[in-house]
Amino acid sequence: MVMSVKQSDVVERFVKIATELIPQNRFPETVYRCMVAIVGETATKVYIYHLGGEKVLSEPKIFAESLLNLLGYGGEIMLNFITKEIEKRAF
């Protein structure tokens, strides 16, 4: 899937926030908790399964691009929500 400029910006912002505010070893659990806060435990597990499993949580850029590939515009919305959750939890 080729990303639009807007989607590329969303990914870039997500990666910037995630790498600045979350230690690399805490990224998987932080994103998981943020997703649970947004869509609930069951939906989070389903999304992670369809994204390719827990290994997708190893790197912010891989996670963001995979989410956009899976959900398209819905992925943009979810990444924006996750970014806001990360920012809230950091401050």
PDB file of N, CA and C in Angstrom:
ATOM      1  N   MET A   1       0.836  -1.178   0.000  1.00  0.00           N
ATOM      2  CA  MET A   1       0.000   0.000   0.000  1.00  0.00           C
ATOM      3  C   MET A   1       0.886   1.248   0.000  1.00  0.00           C
ATOM      4  N   VAL A   2       0.587   2.169  -0.883  1.00  0.00           N
ATOM      5  CA  VAL A   2       1.314   3.431  -0.937  1.00  0.00           C
ATOM      6  C   VAL A   2       0.613   4.411  -0.004  1.00  0.00           C
ATOM      7  N   MET A   3       1.400   5.047   0.866  1.00  0.00           N
ATOM      8  CA  MET A   3       0.812   5.974   1.829  1.00  0.00           C
ATOM      9  C   MET A   3       0.676   7.364   1.226  1.00  0.00           C
ATOM     10  N   SER A   4      -0.387   8.018   1.631  1.00  0.00           N
ATOM     11  CA  SER A   4      -0.574   9.415   1.245  1.00  0.00           C
ATOM     12  C   SER A   4       0.376  10.279   2.069  1.00  0.00           C
ATOM     13  N   VAL A   5       0.492  11.533   1.685  1.00  0.00           N
ATOM     14  CA  VAL A   5       1.336  12.472   2.438  1.00  0.00           C
ATOM     15  C   VAL A   5       0.818  12.586   3.866  1.00  0.00           C
ATOM     16  N   LYS A   6      -0.506  12.650   4.014  1.00  0.00           N
ATOM     17  CA  LYS A   6      -1.095  12.762   5.347  1.00  0.00           C
ATOM     18  C   LYS A   6      -0.753  11.535   6.198  1.00  0.00           C
ATOM     19  N   GLN A   7      -0.861  10.356   5.609  1.00  0.00           N
ATOM     20  CA  GLN A   7      -0.545   9.138   6.348  1.00  0.00           C
ATOM     21  C   GLN A   7       0.938   9.111   6.734  1.00  0.00           C
ATOM     22  N   SER A   8       1.796   9.541   5.823  1.00  0.00           N
ATOM     23  CA  SER A   8       3.232   9.603   6.127  1.00  0.00           C
ATOM     24  C   SER A   8       3.490  10.558   7.290  1.00  0.00           C
ATOM     25  N   ASP A   9       2.770  11.672   7.309  1.00  0.00           N
ATOM     26  CA  ASP A   9       2.902  12.626   8.412  1.00  0.00           C
ATOM     27  C   ASP A   9       2.440  12.023   9.734  1.00  0.00           C
ATOM     28  N   VAL A  10       1.345  11.265   9.690  1.00  0.00           N
ATOM     29  CA  VAL A  10       0.828  10.619  10.891  1.00  0.00           C
ATOM     30  C   VAL A  10       1.861   9.624  11.426  1.00  0.00           C
ATOM     31  N   VAL A  11       2.437   8.829  10.529  1.00  0.00           N
ATOM     32  CA  VAL A  11       3.463   7.856  10.933  1.00  0.00           C
ATOM     33  C   VAL A  11       4.672   8.583  11.520  1.00  0.00           C
ATOM     34  N   GLU A  12       5.130   9.625  10.843  1.00  0.00           N
ATOM     35  CA  GLU A  12       6.296  10.374  11.306  1.00  0.00           C
ATOM     36  C   GLU A  12       6.059  10.968  12.698  1.00  0.00           C
ATOM     37  N   ARG A  13       4.878  11.547  12.909  1.00  0.00           N
ATOM     38  CA  ARG A  13       4.557  12.137  14.217  1.00  0.00           C
ATOM     39  C   ARG A  13       4.495  11.053  15.295  1.00  0.00           C
ATOM     40  N   PHE A  14       3.832   9.933  14.973  1.00  0.00           N
ATOM     41  CA  PHE A  14       3.734   8.838  15.925  1.00  0.00           C
ATOM     42  C   PHE A  14       5.122   8.342  16.327  1.00  0.00           C
ATOM     43  N   VAL A  15       5.981   8.102  15.349  1.00  0.00           N
ATOM     44  CA  VAL A  15       7.327   7.596  15.622  1.00  0.00           C
ATOM     45  C   VAL A  15       8.103   8.595  16.473  1.00  0.00           C
ATOM     46  N   LYS A  16       7.996   9.879  16.157  1.00  0.00           N
ATOM     47  CA  LYS A  16       8.691  10.918  16.917  1.00  0.00           C
ATOM     48  C   LYS A  16       8.245  10.929  18.378  1.00  0.00           C
ATOM     49  N   ILE A  17       6.945  10.947  18.601  1.00  0.00           N
ATOM     50  CA  ILE A  17       6.398  10.975  19.964  1.00  0.00           C
ATOM     51  C   ILE A  17       6.767   9.689  20.706  1.00  0.00           C
ATOM     52  N   ALA A  18       6.574   8.555  20.043  1.00  0.00           N
ATOM     53  CA  ALA A  18       6.838   7.264  20.689  1.00  0.00           C
ATOM     54  C   ALA A  18       8.309   7.126  21.081  1.00  0.00           C
ATOM     55  N   THR A  19       9.211   7.532  20.204  1.00  0.00           N
ATOM     56  CA  THR A  19      10.630   7.361  20.513  1.00  0.00           C
ATOM     57  C   THR A  19      11.120   8.384  21.535  1.00  0.00           C
ATOM     58  N   GLU A  20      10.492   9.557  21.566  1.00  0.00           N
ATOM     59  CA  GLU A  20      10.901  10.569  22.541  1.00  0.00           C
ATOM     60  C   GLU A  20      10.341  10.298  23.939  1.00  0.00           C
ATOM     61  N   LEU A  21       9.136   9.746  24.014  1.00  0.00           N
ATOM     62  CA  LEU A  21       8.453   9.633  25.302  1.00  0.00           C
ATOM     63  C   LEU A  21       8.442   8.235  25.909  1.00  0.00           C
ATOM     64  N   ILE A  22       8.785   7.223  25.130  1.00  0.00           N
ATOM     65  CA  ILE A  22       8.718   5.848  25.631  1.00  0.00           C
ATOM     66  C   ILE A  22      10.082   5.181  25.457  1.00  0.00           C
ATOM     67  N   PRO A  23      10.642   4.628  26.541  1.00  0.00           N
ATOM     68  CA  PRO A  23      11.862   3.824  26.372  1.00  0.00           C
ATOM     69  C   PRO A  23      11.562   2.644  25.443  1.00  0.00           C
ATOM     70  N   GLN A  24      12.500   2.287  24.581  1.00  0.00           N
ATOM     71  CA  GLN A  24      12.285   1.238  23.577  1.00  0.00           C
ATOM     72  C   GLN A  24      11.744  -0.057  24.185  1.00  0.00           C
ATOM     73  N   ASN A  25      12.275  -0.438  25.344  1.00  0.00           N
ATOM     74  CA  ASN A  25      11.830  -1.701  25.951  1.00  0.00           C
ATOM     75  C   ASN A  25      10.401  -1.621  26.511  1.00  0.00           C
ATOM     76  N   ARG A  26       9.852  -0.417  26.663  1.00  0.00           N
ATOM     77  CA  ARG A  26       8.490  -0.244  27.184  1.00  0.00           C
ATOM     78  C   ARG A  26       7.471  -0.005  26.068  1.00  0.00           C
ATOM     79  N   PHE A  27       7.943   0.144  24.826  1.00  0.00           N
ATOM     80  CA  PHE A  27       7.035   0.446  23.724  1.00  0.00           C
ATOM     81  C   PHE A  27       5.908  -0.579  23.577  1.00  0.00           C
ATOM     82  N   PRO A  28       6.210  -1.893  23.543  1.00  0.00           N
ATOM     83  CA  PRO A  28       5.123  -2.866  23.355  1.00  0.00           C
ATOM     84  C   PRO A  28       4.019  -2.752  24.407  1.00  0.00           C
ATOM     85  N   GLU A  29       4.394  -2.707  25.678  1.00  0.00           N
ATOM     86  CA  GLU A  29       3.365  -2.657  26.722  1.00  0.00           C
ATOM     87  C   GLU A  29       2.625  -1.325  26.725  1.00  0.00           C
ATOM     88  N   THR A  30       3.326  -0.236  26.418  1.00  0.00           N
ATOM     89  CA  THR A  30       2.682   1.076  26.394  1.00  0.00           C
ATOM     90  C   THR A  30       1.646   1.156  25.277  1.00  0.00           C
ATOM     91  N   VAL A  31       2.024   0.714  24.079  1.00  0.00           N
ATOM     92  CA  VAL A  31       1.084   0.747  22.953  1.00  0.00           C
ATOM     93  C   VAL A  31      -0.093  -0.184  23.229  1.00  0.00           C
ATOM     94  N   TYR A  32       0.199  -1.337  23.790  1.00  0.00           N
ATOM     95  CA  TYR A  32      -0.880  -2.271  24.125  1.00  0.00           C
ATOM     96  C   TYR A  32      -1.880  -1.620  25.082  1.00  0.00           C
ATOM     97  N   ARG A  33      -1.370  -0.990  26.147  1.00  0.00           N
ATOM     98  CA  ARG A  33      -2.251  -0.325  27.124  1.00  0.00           C
ATOM     99  C   ARG A  33      -3.039   0.814  26.483  1.00  0.00           C
ATOM    100  N   CYS A  34      -2.389   1.570  25.610  1.00  0.00           N
ATOM    101  CA  CYS A  34      -3.084   2.665  24.926  1.00  0.00           C
ATOM    102  C   CYS A  34      -4.203   2.129  24.040  1.00  0.00           C
ATOM    103  N   MET A  35      -3.918   1.040  23.327  1.00  0.00           N
ATOM    104  CA  MET A  35      -4.954   0.448  22.469  1.00  0.00           C
ATOM    105  C   MET A  35      -6.118  -0.071  23.308  1.00  0.00           C
ATOM    106  N   VAL A  36      -5.819  -0.691  24.433  1.00  0.00           N
ATOM    107  CA  VAL A  36      -6.877  -1.187  25.315  1.00  0.00           C
ATOM    108  C   VAL A  36      -7.743  -0.026  25.791  1.00  0.00           C
ATOM    109  N   ALA A  37      -7.115   1.100  26.115  1.00  0.00           N
ATOM    110  CA  ALA A  37      -7.872   2.278  26.560  1.00  0.00           C
ATOM    111  C   ALA A  37      -8.797   2.796  25.457  1.00  0.00           C
ATOM    112  N   ILE A  38      -8.399   2.605  24.222  1.00  0.00           N
ATOM    113  CA  ILE A  38      -9.171   3.128  23.094  1.00  0.00           C
ATOM    114  C   ILE A  38     -10.249   2.150  22.633  1.00  0.00           C
ATOM    115  N   VAL A  39      -9.874   0.885  22.415  1.00  0.00           N
ATOM    116  CA  VAL A  39     -10.812  -0.071  21.803  1.00  0.00           C
ATOM    117  C   VAL A  39     -11.162  -1.264  22.684  1.00  0.00           C
ATOM    118  N   GLY A  40     -10.526  -1.386  23.845  1.00  0.00           N
ATOM    119  CA  GLY A  40     -10.799  -2.513  24.728  1.00  0.00           C
ATOM    120  C   GLY A  40      -9.830  -3.660  24.511  1.00  0.00           C
ATOM    121  N   GLU A  41      -9.810  -4.564  25.477  1.00  0.00           N
ATOM    122  CA  GLU A  41      -8.864  -5.691  25.483  1.00  0.00           C
ATOM    123  C   GLU A  41      -9.068  -6.642  24.304  1.00  0.00           C
ATOM    124  N   THR A  42     -10.303  -7.040  24.062  1.00  0.00           N
ATOM    125  CA  THR A  42     -10.573  -8.020  23.003  1.00  0.00           C
ATOM    126  C   THR A  42     -10.198  -7.480  21.636  1.00  0.00           C
ATOM    127  N   ALA A  43     -10.632  -6.260  21.332  1.00  0.00           N
ATOM    128  CA  ALA A  43     -10.317  -5.669  20.024  1.00  0.00           C
ATOM    129  C   ALA A  43      -8.813  -5.476  19.866  1.00  0.00           C
ATOM    130  N   THR A  44      -8.125  -5.109  20.933  1.00  0.00           N
ATOM    131  CA  THR A  44      -6.674  -4.946  20.878  1.00  0.00           C
ATOM    132  C   THR A  44      -6.010  -6.260  20.493  1.00  0.00           C
ATOM    133  N   LYS A  45      -6.429  -7.348  21.120  1.00  0.00           N
ATOM    134  CA  LYS A  45      -5.864  -8.658  20.790  1.00  0.00           C
ATOM    135  C   LYS A  45      -6.128  -9.028  19.336  1.00  0.00           C
ATOM    136  N   VAL A  46      -7.322  -8.735  18.852  1.00  0.00           N
ATOM    137  CA  VAL A  46      -7.675  -9.033  17.454  1.00  0.00           C
ATOM    138  C   VAL A  46      -6.804  -8.209  16.508  1.00  0.00           C
ATOM    139  N   TYR A  47      -6.674  -6.917  16.778  1.00  0.00           N
ATOM    140  CA  TYR A  47      -5.831  -6.065  15.927  1.00  0.00           C
ATOM    141  C   TYR A  47      -4.397  -6.565  15.895  1.00  0.00           C
ATOM    142  N   ILE A  48      -3.837  -6.862  17.067  1.00  0.00           N
ATOM    143  CA  ILE A  48      -2.446  -7.314  17.113  1.00  0.00           C
ATOM    144  C   ILE A  48      -2.277  -8.619  16.351  1.00  0.00           C
ATOM    145  N   TYR A  49      -3.234  -9.508  16.477  1.00  0.00           N
ATOM    146  CA  TYR A  49      -3.186 -10.766  15.721  1.00  0.00           C
ATOM    147  C   TYR A  49      -3.145 -10.487  14.217  1.00  0.00           C
ATOM    148  N   HIS A  50      -4.032  -9.614  13.751  1.00  0.00           N
ATOM    149  CA  HIS A  50      -4.112  -9.312  12.320  1.00  0.00           C
ATOM    150  C   HIS A  50      -2.957  -8.441  11.820  1.00  0.00           C
ATOM    151  N   LEU A  51      -2.273  -7.782  12.731  1.00  0.00           N
ATOM    152  CA  LEU A  51      -1.089  -7.011  12.359  1.00  0.00           C
ATOM    153  C   LEU A  51       0.136  -7.910  12.204  1.00  0.00           C
ATOM    154  N   GLY A  52       0.039  -9.141  12.667  1.00  0.00           N
ATOM    155  CA  GLY A  52       1.151 -10.068  12.542  1.00  0.00           C
ATOM    156  C   GLY A  52       1.703 -10.562  13.870  1.00  0.00           C
ATOM    157  N   GLY A  53       0.981 -10.285  14.925  1.00  0.00           N
ATOM    158  CA  GLY A  53       1.403 -10.763  16.238  1.00  0.00           C
ATOM    159  C   GLY A  53       2.233  -9.743  16.991  1.00  0.00           C
ATOM    160  N   GLU A  54       2.699 -10.163  18.148  1.00  0.00           N
ATOM    161  CA  GLU A  54       3.399  -9.265  19.071  1.00  0.00           C
ATOM    162  C   GLU A  54       4.677  -8.676  18.483  1.00  0.00           C
ATOM    163  N   LYS A  55       5.270  -9.336  17.484  1.00  0.00           N
ATOM    164  CA  LYS A  55       6.519  -8.816  16.909  1.00  0.00           C
ATOM    165  C   LYS A  55       6.320  -7.457  16.255  1.00  0.00           C
ATOM    166  N   VAL A  56       5.080  -7.139  15.848  1.00  0.00           N
ATOM    167  CA  VAL A  56       4.797  -5.835  15.241  1.00  0.00           C
ATOM    168  C   VAL A  56       4.956  -4.708  16.260  1.00  0.00           C
ATOM    169  N   LEU A  57       4.923  -5.067  17.540  1.00  0.00           N
ATOM    170  CA  LEU A  57       5.072  -4.070  18.596  1.00  0.00           C
ATOM    171  C   LEU A  57       6.539  -3.789  18.934  1.00  0.00           C
ATOM    172  N   SER A  58       7.450  -4.344  18.164  1.00  0.00           N
ATOM    173  CA  SER A  58       8.868  -4.176  18.482  1.00  0.00           C
ATOM    174  C   SER A  58       9.434  -2.834  18.038  1.00  0.00           C
ATOM    175  N   GLU A  59       8.798  -2.191  17.085  1.00  0.00           N
ATOM    176  CA  GLU A  59       9.342  -0.967  16.505  1.00  0.00           C
ATOM    177  C   GLU A  59       8.202  -0.009  16.153  1.00  0.00           C
ATOM    178  N   PRO A  60       8.261   1.248  16.621  1.00  0.00           N
ATOM    179  CA  PRO A  60       7.167   2.185  16.358  1.00  0.00           C
ATOM    180  C   PRO A  60       6.803   2.344  14.878  1.00  0.00           C
ATOM    181  N   LYS A  61       7.807   2.456  14.016  1.00  0.00           N
ATOM    182  CA  LYS A  61       7.509   2.662  12.588  1.00  0.00           C
ATOM    183  C   LYS A  61       6.829   1.435  11.975  1.00  0.00           C
ATOM    184  N   ILE A  62       7.302   0.267  12.320  1.00  0.00           N
ATOM    185  CA  ILE A  62       6.688  -0.970  11.803  1.00  0.00           C
ATOM    186  C   ILE A  62       5.244  -1.066  12.281  1.00  0.00           C
ATOM    187  N   PHE A  63       5.020  -0.780  13.554  1.00  0.00           N
ATOM    188  CA  PHE A  63       3.664  -0.817  14.102  1.00  0.00           C
ATOM    189  C   PHE A  63       2.752   0.162  13.363  1.00  0.00           C
ATOM    190  N   ALA A  64       3.216   1.407  13.217  1.00  0.00           N
ATOM    191  CA  ALA A  64       2.396   2.444  12.592  1.00  0.00           C
ATOM    192  C   ALA A  64       2.067   2.097  11.139  1.00  0.00           C
ATOM    193  N   GLU A  65       3.062   1.666  10.394  1.00  0.00           N
ATOM    194  CA  GLU A  65       2.831   1.323   8.985  1.00  0.00           C
ATOM    195  C   GLU A  65       1.923   0.107   8.857  1.00  0.00           C
ATOM    196  N   SER A  66       2.097  -0.869   9.726  1.00  0.00           N
ATOM    197  CA  SER A  66       1.239  -2.064   9.696  1.00  0.00           C
ATOM    198  C   SER A  66      -0.204  -1.709  10.013  1.00  0.00           C
ATOM    199  N   LEU A  67      -0.404  -0.826  10.985  1.00  0.00           N
ATOM    200  CA  LEU A  67      -1.755  -0.404  11.352  1.00  0.00           C
ATOM    201  C   LEU A  67      -2.421   0.325  10.190  1.00  0.00           C
ATOM    202  N   LEU A  68      -1.684   1.179   9.512  1.00  0.00           N
ATOM    203  CA  LEU A  68      -2.237   1.880   8.346  1.00  0.00           C
ATOM    204  C   LEU A  68      -2.543   0.906   7.214  1.00  0.00           C
ATOM    205  N   ASN A  69      -1.665  -0.064   6.995  1.00  0.00           N
ATOM    206  CA  ASN A  69      -1.919  -1.059   5.951  1.00  0.00           C
ATOM    207  C   ASN A  69      -3.170  -1.875   6.239  1.00  0.00           C
ATOM    208  N   LEU A  70      -3.393  -2.183   7.502  1.00  0.00           N
ATOM    209  CA  LEU A  70      -4.556  -2.984   7.887  1.00  0.00           C
ATOM    210  C   LEU A  70      -5.845  -2.176   7.852  1.00  0.00           C
ATOM    211  N   LEU A  71      -5.804  -0.954   8.378  1.00  0.00           N
ATOM    212  CA  LEU A  71      -7.038  -0.189   8.594  1.00  0.00           C
ATOM    213  C   LEU A  71      -7.225   1.032   7.703  1.00  0.00           C
ATOM    214  N   GLY A  72      -6.216   1.396   6.932  1.00  0.00           N
ATOM    215  CA  GLY A  72      -6.343   2.582   6.084  1.00  0.00           C
ATOM    216  C   GLY A  72      -6.623   3.819   6.905  1.00  0.00           C
ATOM    217  N   TYR A  73      -7.661   4.554   6.534  1.00  0.00           N
ATOM    218  CA  TYR A  73      -8.008   5.784   7.238  1.00  0.00           C
ATOM    219  C   TYR A  73      -8.279   5.514   8.717  1.00  0.00           C
ATOM    220  N   GLY A  74      -8.894   4.384   9.018  1.00  0.00           N
ATOM    221  CA  GLY A  74      -9.131   4.020  10.412  1.00  0.00           C
ATOM    222  C   GLY A  74      -7.831   3.893  11.191  1.00  0.00           C
ATOM    223  N   GLY A  75      -6.770   3.463  10.511  1.00  0.00           N
ATOM    224  CA  GLY A  75      -5.461   3.375  11.139  1.00  0.00           C
ATOM    225  C   GLY A  75      -4.910   4.744  11.504  1.00  0.00           C
ATOM    226  N   GLU A  76      -5.170   5.734  10.630  1.00  0.00           N
ATOM    227  CA  GLU A  76      -4.760   7.114  10.944  1.00  0.00           C
ATOM    228  C   GLU A  76      -5.420   7.577  12.233  1.00  0.00           C
ATOM    229  N   ILE A  77      -6.719   7.335  12.315  1.00  0.00           N
ATOM    230  CA  ILE A  77      -7.476   7.757  13.495  1.00  0.00           C
ATOM    231  C   ILE A  77      -6.928   7.081  14.740  1.00  0.00           C
ATOM    232  N   MET A  78      -6.699   5.767  14.643  1.00  0.00           N
ATOM    233  CA  MET A  78      -6.199   5.035  15.807  1.00  0.00           C
ATOM    234  C   MET A  78      -4.798   5.513  16.198  1.00  0.00           C
ATOM    235  N   LEU A  79      -3.926   5.744  15.222  1.00  0.00           N
ATOM    236  CA  LEU A  79      -2.584   6.243  15.544  1.00  0.00           C
ATOM    237  C   LEU A  79      -2.645   7.599  16.225  1.00  0.00           C
ATOM    238  N   ASN A  80      -3.540   8.458  15.765  1.00  0.00           N
ATOM    239  CA  ASN A  80      -3.694   9.764  16.414  1.00  0.00           C
ATOM    240  C   ASN A  80      -4.161   9.612  17.856  1.00  0.00           C
ATOM    241  N   PHE A  81      -5.104   8.700  18.088  1.00  0.00           N
ATOM    242  CA  PHE A  81      -5.568   8.449  19.454  1.00  0.00           C
ATOM    243  C   PHE A  81      -4.452   7.857  20.319  1.00  0.00           C
ATOM    244  N   ILE A  82      -3.702   6.906  19.774  1.00  0.00           N
ATOM    245  CA  ILE A  82      -2.606   6.296  20.526  1.00  0.00           C
ATOM    246  C   ILE A  82      -1.555   7.351  20.859  1.00  0.00           C
ATOM    247  N   THR A  83      -1.257   8.221  19.902  1.00  0.00           N
ATOM    248  CA  THR A  83      -0.296   9.300  20.132  1.00  0.00           C
ATOM    249  C   THR A  83      -0.759  10.193  21.279  1.00  0.00           C
ATOM    250  N   LYS A  84      -2.036  10.542  21.284  1.00  0.00           N
ATOM    251  CA  LYS A  84      -2.579  11.373  22.368  1.00  0.00           C
ATOM    252  C   LYS A  84      -2.502  10.652  23.708  1.00  0.00           C
ATOM    253  N   GLU A  85      -2.790   9.355  23.707  1.00  0.00           N
ATOM    254  CA  GLU A  85      -2.690   8.564  24.943  1.00  0.00           C
ATOM    255  C   GLU A  85      -1.251   8.536  25.454  1.00  0.00           C
ATOM    256  N   ILE A  86      -0.299   8.355  24.552  1.00  0.00           N
ATOM    257  CA  ILE A  86       1.114   8.338  24.932  1.00  0.00           C
ATOM    258  C   ILE A  86       1.498   9.682  25.555  1.00  0.00           C
ATOM    259  N   GLU A  87       1.069  10.751  24.919  1.00  0.00           N
ATOM    260  CA  GLU A  87       1.374  12.090  25.438  1.00  0.00           C
ATOM    261  C   GLU A  87       0.753  12.300  26.814  1.00  0.00           C
ATOM    262  N   LYS A  88      -0.494  11.862  26.997  1.00  0.00           N
ATOM    263  CA  LYS A  88      -1.162  12.004  28.301  1.00  0.00           C
ATOM    264  C   LYS A  88      -0.436  11.224  29.388  1.00  0.00           C
ATOM    265  N   ARG A  89      -0.007  10.028  29.064  1.00  0.00           N
ATOM    266  CA  ARG A  89       0.648   9.168  30.048  1.00  0.00           C
ATOM    267  C   ARG A  89       2.043   9.664  30.402  1.00  0.00           C
ATOM    268  N   ALA A  90       2.663  10.405  29.485  1.00  0.00           N
ATOM    269  CA  ALA A  90       4.028  10.881  29.716  1.00  0.00           C
ATOM    270  C   ALA A  90       4.075  12.104  30.622  1.00  0.00           C
ATOM    271  N   PHE A  91       2.963  12.844  30.678  1.00  0.00           N
ATOM    272  CA  PHE A  91       2.983  14.103  31.453  1.00  0.00           C
ATOM    273  C   PHE A  91       2.054  14.071  32.631  1.00  0.00           C
TER     274      PHE A  91
END
